PDB file of N, CA and C in Angstrom:
ATOM      1  N   UNK A   1     126.130  97.545  60.058  1.00  0.00           N
ATOM      2  CA  UNK A   1     126.827  97.929  61.241  1.00  0.00           C
ATOM      3  C   UNK A   1     127.269  96.705  62.053  1.00  0.00           C
ATOM      4  N   UNK A   2     126.339  95.835  62.350  1.00  0.00           N
ATOM      5  CA  UNK A   2     126.691  94.645  63.108  1.00  0.00           C
ATOM      6  C   UNK A   2     127.693  93.795  62.339  1.00  0.00           C
ATOM      7  N   UNK A   3     127.501  93.716  61.033  1.00  0.00           N
ATOM      8  CA  UNK A   3     128.422  92.912  60.231  1.00  0.00           C
ATOM      9  C   UNK A   3     129.837  93.482  60.253  1.00  0.00           C
ATOM     10  N   UNK A   4     129.970  94.805  60.262  1.00  0.00           N
ATOM     11  CA  UNK A   4     131.289  95.433  60.318  1.00  0.00           C
ATOM     12  C   UNK A   4     131.995  95.112  61.636  1.00  0.00           C
ATOM     13  N   UNK A   5     131.259  95.181  62.726  1.00  0.00           N
ATOM     14  CA  UNK A   5     131.830  94.880  64.039  1.00  0.00           C
ATOM     15  C   UNK A   5     132.291  93.427  64.085  1.00  0.00           C
ATOM     16  N   UNK A   6     131.443  92.518  63.602  1.00  0.00           N
ATOM     17  CA  UNK A   6     131.814  91.107  63.595  1.00  0.00           C
ATOM     18  C   UNK A   6     133.038  90.856  62.720  1.00  0.00           C
ATOM     19  N   UNK A   7     133.062  91.463  61.551  1.00  0.00           N
ATOM     20  CA  UNK A   7     134.205  91.265  60.645  1.00  0.00           C
ATOM     21  C   UNK A   7     135.494  91.807  61.260  1.00  0.00           C
ATOM     22  N   UNK A   8     135.424  92.976  61.898  1.00  0.00           N
ATOM     23  CA  UNK A   8     136.620  93.548  62.530  1.00  0.00           C
ATOM     24  C   UNK A   8     137.141  92.646  63.641  1.00  0.00           C
ATOM     25  N   UNK A   9     136.248  92.138  64.479  1.00  0.00           N
ATOM     26  CA  UNK A   9     136.671  91.259  65.566  1.00  0.00           C
ATOM     27  C   UNK A   9     137.155  89.909  65.025  1.00  0.00           C
ATOM     28  N   UNK A  10     136.529  89.455  63.971  1.00  0.00           N
ATOM     29  CA  UNK A  10     136.947  88.200  63.348  1.00  0.00           C
ATOM     30  C   UNK A  10     138.375  88.327  62.814  1.00  0.00           C
ATOM     31  N   UNK A  11     138.678  89.465  62.226  1.00  0.00           N
ATOM     32  CA  UNK A  11     140.000  89.684  61.637  1.00  0.00           C
ATOM     33  C   UNK A  11     141.089  89.834  62.695  1.00  0.00           C
ATOM     34  N   UNK A  12     140.735  90.333  63.873  1.00  0.00           N
ATOM     35  CA  UNK A  12     141.752  90.609  64.890  1.00  0.00           C
ATOM     36  C   UNK A  12     141.750  89.599  66.039  1.00  0.00           C
ATOM     37  N   UNK A  13     140.920  88.573  65.964  1.00  0.00           N
ATOM     38  CA  UNK A  13     140.777  87.634  67.070  1.00  0.00           C
ATOM     39  C   UNK A  13     142.043  86.825  67.331  1.00  0.00           C
ATOM     40  N   UNK A  14     142.714  86.395  66.279  1.00  0.00           N
ATOM     41  CA  UNK A  14     143.937  85.626  66.456  1.00  0.00           C
ATOM     42  C   UNK A  14     143.746  84.120  66.356  1.00  0.00           C
ATOM     43  N   UNK A  15     142.521  83.647  66.520  1.00  0.00           N
ATOM     44  CA  UNK A  15     142.263  82.214  66.375  1.00  0.00           C
ATOM     45  C   UNK A  15     141.990  81.908  64.907  1.00  0.00           C
ATOM     46  N   UNK A  16     142.234  80.666  64.535  1.00  0.00           N
ATOM     47  CA  UNK A  16     141.997  80.274  63.146  1.00  0.00           C
ATOM     48  C   UNK A  16     140.496  80.201  62.871  1.00  0.00           C
ATOM     49  N   UNK A  17     140.154  80.331  61.599  1.00  0.00           N
ATOM     50  CA  UNK A  17     138.742  80.211  61.229  1.00  0.00           C
ATOM     51  C   UNK A  17     138.240  78.807  61.515  1.00  0.00           C
ATOM     52  N   UNK A  18     139.118  77.829  61.406  1.00  0.00           N
ATOM     53  CA  UNK A  18     138.744  76.445  61.693  1.00  0.00           C
ATOM     54  C   UNK A  18     138.339  76.314  63.161  1.00  0.00           C
ATOM     55  N   UNK A  19     139.125  76.910  64.061  1.00  0.00           N
ATOM     56  CA  UNK A  19     138.802  76.851  65.490  1.00  0.00           C
ATOM     57  C   UNK A  19     137.520  77.615  65.799  1.00  0.00           C
ATOM     58  N   UNK A  20     137.392  78.817  65.238  1.00  0.00           N
ATOM     59  CA  UNK A  20     136.185  79.616  65.474  1.00  0.00           C
ATOM     60  C   UNK A  20     134.939  78.917  64.933  1.00  0.00           C
ATOM     61  N   UNK A  21     135.071  78.314  63.769  1.00  0.00           N
ATOM     62  CA  UNK A  21     133.933  77.599  63.183  1.00  0.00           C
ATOM     63  C   UNK A  21     133.508  76.449  64.083  1.00  0.00           C
ATOM     64  N   UNK A  22     134.472  75.739  64.655  1.00  0.00           N
ATOM     65  CA  UNK A  22     134.143  74.656  65.575  1.00  0.00           C
ATOM     66  C   UNK A  22     133.392  75.164  66.794  1.00  0.00           C
ATOM     67  N   UNK A  23     133.798  76.304  67.309  1.00  0.00           N
ATOM     68  CA  UNK A  23     133.134  76.883  68.466  1.00  0.00           C
ATOM     69  C   UNK A  23     131.745  77.428  68.120  1.00  0.00           C
ATOM     70  N   UNK A  24     131.575  77.839  66.861  1.00  0.00           N
ATOM     71  CA  UNK A  24     130.280  78.380  66.403  1.00  0.00           C
ATOM     72  C   UNK A  24     129.359  77.295  65.850  1.00  0.00           C
ATOM     73  N   UNK A  25     129.876  76.085  65.734  1.00  0.00           N
ATOM     74  CA  UNK A  25     129.110  74.979  65.132  1.00  0.00           C
ATOM     75  C   UNK A  25     128.698  75.300  63.701  1.00  0.00           C
ATOM     76  N   UNK A  26     129.651  75.825  62.926  1.00  0.00           N
ATOM     77  CA  UNK A  26     129.402  76.066  61.508  1.00  0.00           C
ATOM     78  C   UNK A  26     130.637  75.627  60.733  1.00  0.00           C
ATOM     79  N   UNK A  27     130.545  75.642  59.443  1.00  0.00           N
ATOM     80  CA  UNK A  27     131.667  75.266  58.583  1.00  0.00           C
ATOM     81  C   UNK A  27     132.629  76.450  58.448  1.00  0.00           C
ATOM     82  N   UNK A  28     133.932  76.184  58.383  1.00  0.00           N
ATOM     83  CA  UNK A  28     134.887  77.283  58.201  1.00  0.00           C
ATOM     84  C   UNK A  28     134.605  78.114  56.948  1.00  0.00           C
ATOM     85  N   UNK A  29     134.090  77.466  55.905  1.00  0.00           N
ATOM     86  CA  UNK A  29     133.774  78.197  54.669  1.00  0.00           C
ATOM     87  C   UNK A  29     132.772  79.318  54.903  1.00  0.00           C
ATOM     88  N   UNK A  30     131.867  79.129  55.853  1.00  0.00           N
ATOM     89  CA  UNK A  30     130.885  80.170  56.183  1.00  0.00           C
ATOM     90  C   UNK A  30     131.617  81.420  56.670  1.00  0.00           C
ATOM     91  N   UNK A  31     132.616  81.225  57.521  1.00  0.00           N
ATOM     92  CA  UNK A  31     133.367  82.362  58.048  1.00  0.00           C
ATOM     93  C   UNK A  31     134.246  82.999  56.980  1.00  0.00           C
ATOM     94  N   UNK A  32     134.837  82.187  56.106  1.00  0.00           N
ATOM     95  CA  UNK A  32     135.639  82.739  55.011  1.00  0.00           C
ATOM     96  C   UNK A  32     134.769  83.579  54.080  1.00  0.00           C
ATOM     97  N   UNK A  33     133.586  83.067  53.740  1.00  0.00           N
ATOM     98  CA  UNK A  33     132.681  83.825  52.864  1.00  0.00           C
ATOM     99  C   UNK A  33     132.220  85.110  53.544  1.00  0.00           C
ATOM    100  N   UNK A  34     131.934  85.034  54.855  1.00  0.00           N
ATOM    101  CA  UNK A  34     131.519  86.222  55.600  1.00  0.00           C
ATOM    102  C   UNK A  34     132.642  87.260  55.595  1.00  0.00           C
ATOM    103  N   UNK A  35     133.866  86.823  55.821  1.00  0.00           N
ATOM    104  CA  UNK A  35     135.022  87.724  55.777  1.00  0.00           C
ATOM    105  C   UNK A  35     135.120  88.426  54.429  1.00  0.00           C
ATOM    106  N   UNK A  36     134.777  87.688  53.367  1.00  0.00           N
ATOM    107  CA  UNK A  36     134.884  88.223  52.011  1.00  0.00           C
ATOM    108  C   UNK A  36     133.668  89.033  51.579  1.00  0.00           C
ATOM    109  N   UNK A  37     132.716  89.267  52.498  1.00  0.00           N
ATOM    110  CA  UNK A  37     131.605  90.157  52.187  1.00  0.00           C
ATOM    111  C   UNK A  37     130.247  89.520  52.031  1.00  0.00           C
ATOM    112  N   UNK A  38     130.156  88.212  52.100  1.00  0.00           N
ATOM    113  CA  UNK A  38     128.857  87.546  51.997  1.00  0.00           C
ATOM    114  C   UNK A  38     128.120  87.650  53.323  1.00  0.00           C
ATOM    115  N   UNK A  39     126.832  87.402  53.300  1.00  0.00           N
ATOM    116  CA  UNK A  39     126.007  87.440  54.505  1.00  0.00           C
ATOM    117  C   UNK A  39     126.030  86.096  55.215  1.00  0.00           C
ATOM    118  N   UNK A  40     125.722  86.137  56.519  1.00  0.00           N
ATOM    119  CA  UNK A  40     125.536  84.914  57.293  1.00  0.00           C
ATOM    120  C   UNK A  40     124.182  85.001  57.976  1.00  0.00           C
ATOM    121  N   UNK A  41     123.676  83.879  58.394  1.00  0.00           N
ATOM    122  CA  UNK A  41     122.391  83.840  59.078  1.00  0.00           C
ATOM    123  C   UNK A  41     122.517  84.506  60.444  1.00  0.00           C
ATOM    124  N   UNK A  42     121.398  85.012  60.928  1.00  0.00           N
ATOM    125  CA  UNK A  42     121.380  85.678  62.222  1.00  0.00           C
ATOM    126  C   UNK A  42     121.811  84.740  63.339  1.00  0.00           C
ATOM    127  N   UNK A  43     121.384  83.488  63.276  1.00  0.00           N
ATOM    128  CA  UNK A  43     121.765  82.518  64.308  1.00  0.00           C
ATOM    129  C   UNK A  43     123.277  82.314  64.320  1.00  0.00           C
ATOM    130  N   UNK A  44     123.893  82.252  63.153  1.00  0.00           N
ATOM    131  CA  UNK A  44     125.344  82.101  63.067  1.00  0.00           C
ATOM    132  C   UNK A  44     126.033  83.359  63.574  1.00  0.00           C
ATOM    133  N   UNK A  45     125.492  84.526  63.244  1.00  0.00           N
ATOM    134  CA  UNK A  45     126.063  85.784  63.727  1.00  0.00           C
ATOM    135  C   UNK A  45     125.998  85.850  65.248  1.00  0.00           C
ATOM    136  N   UNK A  46     124.908  85.390  65.829  1.00  0.00           N
ATOM    137  CA  UNK A  46     124.768  85.392  67.288  1.00  0.00           C
ATOM    138  C   UNK A  46     125.792  84.460  67.934  1.00  0.00           C
ATOM    139  N   UNK A  47     125.979  83.284  67.345  1.00  0.00           N
ATOM    140  CA  UNK A  47     126.973  82.347  67.875  1.00  0.00           C
ATOM    141  C   UNK A  47     128.381  82.922  67.751  1.00  0.00           C
ATOM    142  N   UNK A  48     128.666  83.531  66.603  1.00  0.00           N
ATOM    143  CA  UNK A  48     129.980  84.119  66.376  1.00  0.00           C
ATOM    144  C   UNK A  48     130.231  85.254  67.362  1.00  0.00           C
ATOM    145  N   UNK A  49     129.240  86.102  67.563  1.00  0.00           N
ATOM    146  CA  UNK A  49     129.375  87.198  68.516  1.00  0.00           C
ATOM    147  C   UNK A  49     129.671  86.666  69.915  1.00  0.00           C
ATOM    148  N   UNK A  50     128.980  85.626  70.304  1.00  0.00           N
ATOM    149  CA  UNK A  50     129.197  85.026  71.616  1.00  0.00           C
ATOM    150  C   UNK A  50     130.629  84.489  71.748  1.00  0.00           C
ATOM    151  N   UNK A  51     131.100  83.790  70.726  1.00  0.00           N
ATOM    152  CA  UNK A  51     132.454  83.234  70.736  1.00  0.00           C
ATOM    153  C   UNK A  51     133.500  84.355  70.782  1.00  0.00           C
ATOM    154  N   UNK A  52     133.210  85.466  70.117  1.00  0.00           N
ATOM    155  CA  UNK A  52     134.145  86.585  70.089  1.00  0.00           C
ATOM    156  C   UNK A  52     134.015  87.483  71.323  1.00  0.00           C
ATOM    157  N   UNK A  53     133.075  87.157  72.209  1.00  0.00           N
ATOM    158  CA  UNK A  53     132.900  87.938  73.433  1.00  0.00           C
ATOM    159  C   UNK A  53     132.109  89.214  73.237  1.00  0.00           C
ATOM    160  N   UNK A  54     131.262  89.227  72.217  1.00  0.00           N
ATOM    161  CA  UNK A  54     130.450  90.401  71.931  1.00  0.00           C
ATOM    162  C   UNK A  54     129.000  90.146  72.320  1.00  0.00           C
ATOM    163  N   UNK A  55     128.260  91.220  72.526  1.00  0.00           N
ATOM    164  CA  UNK A  55     126.838  91.104  72.834  1.00  0.00           C
ATOM    165  C   UNK A  55     126.095  92.285  72.231  1.00  0.00           C
ATOM    166  N   UNK A  56     124.855  92.064  71.873  1.00  0.00           N
ATOM    167  CA  UNK A  56     124.016  93.153  71.386  1.00  0.00           C
ATOM    168  C   UNK A  56     123.575  93.995  72.575  1.00  0.00           C
ATOM    169  N   UNK A  57     123.555  95.285  72.390  1.00  0.00           N
ATOM    170  CA  UNK A  57     123.112  96.181  73.451  1.00  0.00           C
ATOM    171  C   UNK A  57     122.214  97.243  72.843  1.00  0.00           C
ATOM    172  N   UNK A  58     121.176  97.635  73.557  1.00  0.00           N
ATOM    173  CA  UNK A  58     120.283  98.659  73.022  1.00  0.00           C
ATOM    174  C   UNK A  58     120.966 100.023  72.976  1.00  0.00           C
ATOM    175  N   UNK A  59     120.632 100.782  71.974  1.00  0.00           N
ATOM    176  CA  UNK A  59     121.106 102.154  71.849  1.00  0.00           C
ATOM    177  C   UNK A  59     119.912 103.046  71.581  1.00  0.00           C
ATOM    178  N   UNK A  60     120.097 104.318  71.720  1.00  0.00           N
ATOM    179  CA  UNK A  60     119.010 105.235  71.405  1.00  0.00           C
ATOM    180  C   UNK A  60     118.847 105.272  69.890  1.00  0.00           C
ATOM    181  N   UNK A  61     117.637 105.093  69.449  1.00  0.00           N
ATOM    182  CA  UNK A  61     117.362 105.104  68.016  1.00  0.00           C
ATOM    183  C   UNK A  61     117.532 106.520  67.488  1.00  0.00           C
ATOM    184  N   UNK A  62     118.093 106.624  66.298  1.00  0.00           N
ATOM    185  CA  UNK A  62     118.284 107.947  65.704  1.00  0.00           C
ATOM    186  C   UNK A  62     117.001 108.446  65.055  1.00  0.00           C
ATOM    187  N   UNK A  63     116.141 107.538  64.658  1.00  0.00           N
ATOM    188  CA  UNK A  63     114.845 107.915  64.099  1.00  0.00           C
ATOM    189  C   UNK A  63     113.779 107.058  64.754  1.00  0.00           C
ATOM    190  N   UNK A  64     112.626 107.640  64.907  1.00  0.00           N
ATOM    191  CA  UNK A  64     111.514 106.890  65.479  1.00  0.00           C
ATOM    192  C   UNK A  64     110.710 106.263  64.358  1.00  0.00           C
ATOM    193  N   UNK A  65     110.320 105.030  64.576  1.00  0.00           N
ATOM    194  CA  UNK A  65     109.488 104.347  63.589  1.00  0.00           C
ATOM    195  C   UNK A  65     108.036 104.693  63.838  1.00  0.00           C
ATOM    196  N   UNK A  66     107.324 104.867  62.772  1.00  0.00           N
ATOM    197  CA  UNK A  66     105.897 105.104  62.887  1.00  0.00           C
ATOM    198  C   UNK A  66     105.185 103.776  63.051  1.00  0.00           C
ATOM    199  N   UNK A  67     104.139 103.792  63.830  1.00  0.00           N
ATOM    200  CA  UNK A  67     103.332 102.590  63.996  1.00  0.00           C
ATOM    201  C   UNK A  67     102.664 102.269  62.666  1.00  0.00           C
ATOM    202  N   UNK A  68     102.546 100.984  62.340  1.00  0.00           N
ATOM    203  CA  UNK A  68     101.903 100.635  61.071  1.00  0.00           C
ATOM    204  C   UNK A  68     100.434 101.063  61.066  1.00  0.00           C
ATOM    205  N   UNK A  69      99.982 101.478  59.919  1.00  0.00           N
ATOM    206  CA  UNK A  69      98.585 101.891  59.791  1.00  0.00           C
ATOM    207  C   UNK A  69      97.686 100.685  59.785  1.00  0.00           C
ATOM    208  N   UNK A  70      96.561 100.845  60.446  1.00  0.00           N
ATOM    209  CA  UNK A  70      95.563  99.785  60.409  1.00  0.00           C
ATOM    210  C   UNK A  70      94.654 100.033  59.219  1.00  0.00           C
ATOM    211  N   UNK A  71      94.329  98.966  58.541  1.00  0.00           N
ATOM    212  CA  UNK A  71      93.438  99.083  57.390  1.00  0.00           C
ATOM    213  C   UNK A  71      92.008  99.286  57.885  1.00  0.00           C
ATOM    214  N   UNK A  72      91.273 100.187  57.228  1.00  0.00           N
ATOM    215  CA  UNK A  72      89.878 100.448  57.642  1.00  0.00           C
ATOM    216  C   UNK A  72      88.954  99.290  57.367  1.00  0.00           C
TER     217      UNK A  72
END
């Protein structure tokens, strides 16, 4: 989900990947590979989101997680 949002904004931003990479402090190849479906590190995704003007926001979870069981 987060990757789809980033890819959509990356595709419609209008700035070159070279410029965005400079602002994200990563190599342009990282952004090209991400555009083509590869994964990027969370730190890079956070920087990219910031450069694109995006932020993570909490939403209501659709399922509740169970607490992990403690071993006896």
